[in-house]
Amino acid sequence: MAPVVPMPQAGTAAQASTAPMHFGESAFRLALNEDAMATEKLAEGIRQFVADAIALERWIDELKAAR
């Protein structure tokens, strides 16, 4: 059986020494493009946002028509 690995805690995460990352647009686009999961999750989020916006517009139109 594999050993149990402790999960990070909020207190220890706050103490982590991670330096802020500074990207120009071209460096950001390159880094995003190299991370397939980030690219897919961003695209998925945009598609869902658009679908929700369309549904909201339809719902508002239905409410207006019902008056």
PDB file of N, CA and C in Angstrom:
ATOM      1  N   MET A   1       0.845  -1.170   0.000  1.00  0.00           N
ATOM      2  CA  MET A   1       0.000   0.000   0.000  1.00  0.00           C
ATOM      3  C   MET A   1       0.896   1.241   0.000  1.00  0.00           C
ATOM      4  N   ALA A   2       0.475   2.264  -0.776  1.00  0.00           N
ATOM      5  CA  ALA A   2       1.257   3.498  -0.889  1.00  0.00           C
ATOM      6  C   ALA A   2       1.129   4.322   0.385  1.00  0.00           C
ATOM      7  N   PRO A   3       2.176   5.042   0.741  1.00  0.00           N
ATOM      8  CA  PRO A   3       2.097   5.882   1.936  1.00  0.00           C
ATOM      9  C   PRO A   3       1.136   7.049   1.725  1.00  0.00           C
ATOM     10  N   VAL A   4       0.537   7.500   2.810  1.00  0.00           N
ATOM     11  CA  VAL A   4      -0.379   8.639   2.753  1.00  0.00           C
ATOM     12  C   VAL A   4       0.448   9.921   2.717  1.00  0.00           C
ATOM     13  N   VAL A   5       0.169  10.756   1.743  1.00  0.00           N
ATOM     14  CA  VAL A   5       0.886  12.019   1.599  1.00  0.00           C
ATOM     15  C   VAL A   5       0.020  13.119   2.214  1.00  0.00           C
ATOM     16  N   PRO A   6       0.559  13.907   3.147  1.00  0.00           N
ATOM     17  CA  PRO A   6      -0.256  14.965   3.753  1.00  0.00           C
ATOM     18  C   PRO A   6      -0.636  16.035   2.733  1.00  0.00           C
ATOM     19  N   MET A   7      -1.850  16.527   2.855  1.00  0.00           N
ATOM     20  CA  MET A   7      -2.339  17.581   1.977  1.00  0.00           C
ATOM     21  C   MET A   7      -1.821  18.926   2.471  1.00  0.00           C
ATOM     22  N   PRO A   8      -1.605  19.877   1.567  1.00  0.00           N
ATOM     23  CA  PRO A   8      -1.179  21.215   1.991  1.00  0.00           C
ATOM     24  C   PRO A   8      -2.270  21.874   2.835  1.00  0.00           C
ATOM     25  N   GLN A   9      -1.862  22.645   3.776  1.00  0.00           N
ATOM     26  CA  GLN A   9      -2.776  23.372   4.642  1.00  0.00           C
ATOM     27  C   GLN A   9      -2.724  24.860   4.296  1.00  0.00           C
ATOM     28  N   ALA A  10      -3.790  25.588   4.599  1.00  0.00           N
ATOM     29  CA  ALA A  10      -3.847  27.008   4.264  1.00  0.00           C
ATOM     30  C   ALA A  10      -2.691  27.773   4.905  1.00  0.00           C
ATOM     31  N   GLY A  11      -2.363  27.465   6.140  1.00  0.00           N
ATOM     32  CA  GLY A  11      -1.288  28.173   6.830  1.00  0.00           C
ATOM     33  C   GLY A  11       0.060  27.952   6.179  1.00  0.00           C
ATOM     34  N   THR A  12       0.338  26.730   5.775  1.00  0.00           N
ATOM     35  CA  THR A  12       1.632  26.452   5.143  1.00  0.00           C
ATOM     36  C   THR A  12       1.680  27.005   3.725  1.00  0.00           C
ATOM     37  N   ALA A  13       0.544  27.045   3.055  1.00  0.00           N
ATOM     38  CA  ALA A  13       0.511  27.613   1.704  1.00  0.00           C
ATOM     39  C   ALA A  13       0.810  29.105   1.746  1.00  0.00           C
ATOM     40  N   ALA A  14       0.315  29.784   2.776  1.00  0.00           N
ATOM     41  CA  ALA A  14       0.561  31.220   2.900  1.00  0.00           C
ATOM     42  C   ALA A  14       2.039  31.502   3.161  1.00  0.00           C
ATOM     43  N   GLN A  15       2.746  30.546   3.731  1.00  0.00           N
ATOM     44  CA  GLN A  15       4.158  30.725   4.048  1.00  0.00           C
ATOM     45  C   GLN A  15       5.073  30.344   2.879  1.00  0.00           C
ATOM     46  N   ALA A  16       4.516  29.789   1.839  1.00  0.00           N
ATOM     47  CA  ALA A  16       5.334  29.361   0.698  1.00  0.00           C
ATOM     48  C   ALA A  16       6.025  30.564   0.072  1.00  0.00           C
ATOM     49  N   SER A  17       7.237  30.364  -0.348  1.00  0.00           N
ATOM     50  CA  SER A  17       7.999  31.461  -0.936  1.00  0.00           C
ATOM     51  C   SER A  17       7.937  31.382  -2.462  1.00  0.00           C
ATOM     52  N   THR A  18       6.818  31.791  -3.003  1.00  0.00           N
ATOM     53  CA  THR A  18       6.673  31.816  -4.454  1.00  0.00           C
ATOM     54  C   THR A  18       6.748  33.259  -4.916  1.00  0.00           C
ATOM     55  N   ALA A  19       7.574  33.494  -5.875  1.00  0.00           N
ATOM     56  CA  ALA A  19       7.724  34.846  -6.403  1.00  0.00           C
ATOM     57  C   ALA A  19       6.609  35.124  -7.406  1.00  0.00           C
ATOM     58  N   PRO A  20       6.107  36.352  -7.433  1.00  0.00           N
ATOM     59  CA  PRO A  20       5.082  36.680  -8.426  1.00  0.00           C
ATOM     60  C   PRO A  20       5.645  36.545  -9.836  1.00  0.00           C
ATOM     61  N   MET A  21       4.788  36.154 -10.754  1.00  0.00           N
ATOM     62  CA  MET A  21       5.208  35.995 -12.140  1.00  0.00           C
ATOM     63  C   MET A  21       4.750  37.220 -12.927  1.00  0.00           C
ATOM     64  N   HIS A  22       5.617  37.765 -13.726  1.00  0.00           N
ATOM     65  CA  HIS A  22       5.285  38.927 -14.545  1.00  0.00           C
ATOM     66  C   HIS A  22       5.431  38.522 -16.007  1.00  0.00           C
ATOM     67  N   PHE A  23       4.334  38.668 -16.747  1.00  0.00           N
ATOM     68  CA  PHE A  23       4.323  38.286 -18.152  1.00  0.00           C
ATOM     69  C   PHE A  23       3.950  39.487 -19.004  1.00  0.00           C
ATOM     70  N   GLY A  24       4.601  39.610 -20.128  1.00  0.00           N
ATOM     71  CA  GLY A  24       4.098  40.468 -21.186  1.00  0.00           C
ATOM     72  C   GLY A  24       3.060  39.643 -21.937  1.00  0.00           C
ATOM     73  N   GLU A  25       2.357  40.260 -22.860  1.00  0.00           N
ATOM     74  CA  GLU A  25       1.310  39.522 -23.563  1.00  0.00           C
ATOM     75  C   GLU A  25       1.865  38.334 -24.334  1.00  0.00           C
ATOM     76  N   SER A  26       2.960  38.514 -25.047  1.00  0.00           N
ATOM     77  CA  SER A  26       3.494  37.418 -25.865  1.00  0.00           C
ATOM     78  C   SER A  26       3.984  36.267 -24.982  1.00  0.00           C
ATOM     79  N   ALA A  27       4.619  36.570 -23.841  1.00  0.00           N
ATOM     80  CA  ALA A  27       5.082  35.517 -22.938  1.00  0.00           C
ATOM     81  C   ALA A  27       3.896  34.792 -22.305  1.00  0.00           C
ATOM     82  N   PHE A  28       2.830  35.550 -21.961  1.00  0.00           N
ATOM     83  CA  PHE A  28       1.634  34.932 -21.400  1.00  0.00           C
ATOM     84  C   PHE A  28       1.000  33.986 -22.408  1.00  0.00           C
ATOM     85  N   ARG A  29       0.866  34.442 -23.649  1.00  0.00           N
ATOM     86  CA  ARG A  29       0.245  33.603 -24.682  1.00  0.00           C
ATOM     87  C   ARG A  29       1.061  32.328 -24.918  1.00  0.00           C
ATOM     88  N   LEU A  30       2.382  32.454 -24.912  1.00  0.00           N
ATOM     89  CA  LEU A  30       3.229  31.288 -25.095  1.00  0.00           C
ATOM     90  C   LEU A  30       3.062  30.312 -23.936  1.00  0.00           C
ATOM     91  N   ALA A  31       3.090  30.827 -22.700  1.00  0.00           N
ATOM     92  CA  ALA A  31       2.938  29.960 -21.526  1.00  0.00           C
ATOM     93  C   ALA A  31       1.568  29.282 -21.527  1.00  0.00           C
ATOM     94  N   LEU A  32       0.519  30.020 -21.865  1.00  0.00           N
ATOM     95  CA  LEU A  32      -0.828  29.445 -21.912  1.00  0.00           C
ATOM     96  C   LEU A  32      -0.907  28.383 -22.998  1.00  0.00           C
ATOM     97  N   ASN A  33      -0.316  28.661 -24.154  1.00  0.00           N
ATOM     98  CA  ASN A  33      -0.344  27.718 -25.260  1.00  0.00           C
ATOM     99  C   ASN A  33       0.408  26.429 -24.930  1.00  0.00           C
ATOM    100  N   GLU A  34       1.452  26.526 -24.119  1.00  0.00           N
ATOM    101  CA  GLU A  34       2.227  25.348 -23.750  1.00  0.00           C
ATOM    102  C   GLU A  34       1.538  24.492 -22.692  1.00  0.00           C
ATOM    103  N   ASP A  35       0.520  25.031 -22.035  1.00  0.00           N
ATOM    104  CA  ASP A  35      -0.207  24.296 -20.998  1.00  0.00           C
ATOM    105  C   ASP A  35      -1.561  23.872 -21.570  1.00  0.00           C
ATOM    106  N   ALA A  36      -1.615  22.649 -22.083  1.00  0.00           N
ATOM    107  CA  ALA A  36      -2.821  22.168 -22.767  1.00  0.00           C
ATOM    108  C   ALA A  36      -4.041  22.199 -21.852  1.00  0.00           C
ATOM    109  N   MET A  37      -3.889  21.829 -20.591  1.00  0.00           N
ATOM    110  CA  MET A  37      -5.037  21.819 -19.687  1.00  0.00           C
ATOM    111  C   MET A  37      -5.551  23.234 -19.447  1.00  0.00           C
ATOM    112  N   ALA A  38      -4.654  24.190 -19.245  1.00  0.00           N
ATOM    113  CA  ALA A  38      -5.078  25.573 -19.034  1.00  0.00           C
ATOM    114  C   ALA A  38      -5.798  26.104 -20.264  1.00  0.00           C
ATOM    115  N   THR A  39      -5.275  25.785 -21.434  1.00  0.00           N
ATOM    116  CA  THR A  39      -5.898  26.241 -22.674  1.00  0.00           C
ATOM    117  C   THR A  39      -7.299  25.655 -22.812  1.00  0.00           C
ATOM    118  N   GLU A  40      -7.445  24.368 -22.553  1.00  0.00           N
ATOM    119  CA  GLU A  40      -8.758  23.720 -22.676  1.00  0.00           C
ATOM    120  C   GLU A  40      -9.737  24.234 -21.629  1.00  0.00           C
ATOM    121  N   LYS A  41      -9.294  24.401 -20.382  1.00  0.00           N
ATOM    122  CA  LYS A  41     -10.189  24.882 -19.326  1.00  0.00           C
ATOM    123  C   LYS A  41     -10.622  26.319 -19.598  1.00  0.00           C
ATOM    124  N   LEU A  42      -9.725  27.153 -20.115  1.00  0.00           N
ATOM    125  CA  LEU A  42     -10.094  28.520 -20.466  1.00  0.00           C
ATOM    126  C   LEU A  42     -11.147  28.515 -21.570  1.00  0.00           C
ATOM    127  N   ALA A  43     -10.914  27.712 -22.604  1.00  0.00           N
ATOM    128  CA  ALA A  43     -11.877  27.624 -23.707  1.00  0.00           C
ATOM    129  C   ALA A  43     -13.222  27.087 -23.213  1.00  0.00           C
ATOM    130  N   GLU A  44     -13.189  26.094 -22.344  1.00  0.00           N
ATOM    131  CA  GLU A  44     -14.415  25.534 -21.784  1.00  0.00           C
ATOM    132  C   GLU A  44     -15.175  26.598 -20.992  1.00  0.00           C
ATOM    133  N   GLY A  45     -14.462  27.369 -20.209  1.00  0.00           N
ATOM    134  CA  GLY A  45     -15.098  28.426 -19.428  1.00  0.00           C
ATOM    135  C   GLY A  45     -15.722  29.491 -20.306  1.00  0.00           C
ATOM    136  N   ILE A  46     -15.034  29.862 -21.376  1.00  0.00           N
ATOM    137  CA  ILE A  46     -15.580  30.859 -22.298  1.00  0.00           C
ATOM    138  C   ILE A  46     -16.826  30.328 -22.979  1.00  0.00           C
ATOM    139  N   ARG A  47     -16.786  29.070 -23.434  1.00  0.00           N
ATOM    140  CA  ARG A  47     -17.972  28.477 -24.086  1.00  0.00           C
ATOM    141  C   ARG A  47     -19.154  28.438 -23.125  1.00  0.00           C
ATOM    142  N   GLN A  48     -18.926  28.056 -21.877  1.00  0.00           N
ATOM    143  CA  GLN A  48     -20.016  27.982 -20.896  1.00  0.00           C
ATOM    144  C   GLN A  48     -20.545  29.372 -20.566  1.00  0.00           C
ATOM    145  N   PHE A  49     -19.652  30.361 -20.477  1.00  0.00           N
ATOM    146  CA  PHE A  49     -20.077  31.734 -20.212  1.00  0.00           C
ATOM    147  C   PHE A  49     -20.990  32.239 -21.319  1.00  0.00           C
ATOM    148  N   VAL A  50     -20.615  31.972 -22.575  1.00  0.00           N
ATOM    149  CA  VAL A  50     -21.430  32.397 -23.708  1.00  0.00           C
ATOM    150  C   VAL A  50     -22.788  31.703 -23.680  1.00  0.00           C
ATOM    151  N   ALA A  51     -22.799  30.409 -23.404  1.00  0.00           N
ATOM    152  CA  ALA A  51     -24.066  29.666 -23.329  1.00  0.00           C
ATOM    153  C   ALA A  51     -24.955  30.238 -22.228  1.00  0.00           C
ATOM    154  N   ASP A  52     -24.371  30.561 -21.081  1.00  0.00           N
ATOM    155  CA  ASP A  52     -25.142  31.131 -19.970  1.00  0.00           C
ATOM    156  C   ASP A  52     -25.658  32.527 -20.322  1.00  0.00           C
ATOM    157  N   ALA A  53     -24.855  33.322 -21.023  1.00  0.00           N
ATOM    158  CA  ALA A  53     -25.290  34.663 -21.423  1.00  0.00           C
ATOM    159  C   ALA A  53     -26.472  34.575 -22.384  1.00  0.00           C
ATOM    160  N   ILE A  54     -26.419  33.635 -23.316  1.00  0.00           N
ATOM    161  CA  ILE A  54     -27.527  33.450 -24.261  1.00  0.00           C
ATOM    162  C   ILE A  54     -28.778  33.004 -23.515  1.00  0.00           C
ATOM    163  N   ALA A  55     -28.632  32.070 -22.585  1.00  0.00           N
ATOM    164  CA  ALA A  55     -29.781  31.602 -21.806  1.00  0.00           C
ATOM    165  C   ALA A  55     -30.374  32.748 -20.984  1.00  0.00           C
ATOM    166  N   LEU A  56     -29.532  33.588 -20.408  1.00  0.00           N
ATOM    167  CA  LEU A  56     -30.005  34.724 -19.628  1.00  0.00           C
ATOM    168  C   LEU A  56     -30.768  35.707 -20.506  1.00  0.00           C
ATOM    169  N   GLU A  57     -30.253  35.983 -21.706  1.00  0.00           N
ATOM    170  CA  GLU A  57     -30.942  36.884 -22.623  1.00  0.00           C
ATOM    171  C   GLU A  57     -32.310  36.332 -23.018  1.00  0.00           C
ATOM    172  N   ARG A  58     -32.381  35.041 -23.262  1.00  0.00           N
ATOM    173  CA  ARG A  58     -33.677  34.423 -23.604  1.00  0.00           C
ATOM    174  C   ARG A  58     -34.649  34.532 -22.437  1.00  0.00           C
ATOM    175  N   TRP A  59     -34.157  34.294 -21.233  1.00  0.00           N
ATOM    176  CA  TRP A  59     -35.007  34.358 -20.045  1.00  0.00           C
ATOM    177  C   TRP A  59     -35.542  35.775 -19.854  1.00  0.00           C
ATOM    178  N   ILE A  60     -34.675  36.780 -20.045  1.00  0.00           N
ATOM    179  CA  ILE A  60     -35.100  38.172 -19.923  1.00  0.00           C
ATOM    180  C   ILE A  60     -36.141  38.503 -20.987  1.00  0.00           C
ATOM    181  N   ASP A  61     -35.929  38.039 -22.216  1.00  0.00           N
ATOM    182  CA  ASP A  61     -36.904  38.275 -23.288  1.00  0.00           C
ATOM    183  C   ASP A  61     -38.250  37.634 -22.951  1.00  0.00           C
ATOM    184  N   GLU A  62     -38.233  36.435 -22.345  1.00  0.00           N
ATOM    185  CA  GLU A  62     -39.473  35.768 -21.939  1.00  0.00           C
ATOM    186  C   GLU A  62     -40.193  36.572 -20.861  1.00  0.00           C
ATOM    187  N   LEU A  63     -39.432  37.107 -19.917  1.00  0.00           N
ATOM    188  CA  LEU A  63     -40.048  37.916 -18.855  1.00  0.00           C
ATOM    189  C   LEU A  63     -40.667  39.185 -19.426  1.00  0.00           C
ATOM    190  N   LYS A  64     -39.982  39.812 -20.378  1.00  0.00           N
ATOM    191  CA  LYS A  64     -40.517  41.018 -21.006  1.00  0.00           C
ATOM    192  C   LYS A  64     -41.796  40.702 -21.778  1.00  0.00           C
ATOM    193  N   ALA A  65     -41.796  39.570 -22.480  1.00  0.00           N
ATOM    194  CA  ALA A  65     -42.965  39.190 -23.296  1.00  0.00           C
ATOM    195  C   ALA A  65     -44.157  38.834 -22.422  1.00  0.00           C
ATOM    196  N   ALA A  66     -43.902  38.365 -21.199  1.00  0.00           N
ATOM    197  CA  ALA A  66     -44.994  37.951 -20.322  1.00  0.00           C
ATOM    198  C   ALA A  66     -45.702  39.158 -19.703  1.00  0.00           C
ATOM    199  N   ARG A  67     -45.121  40.325 -19.770  1.00  0.00           N
ATOM    200  CA  ARG A  67     -45.732  41.521 -19.167  1.00  0.00           C
ATOM    201  C   ARG A  67     -46.808  42.079 -20.024  1.00  0.00           C
TER     202      ARG A  67
END
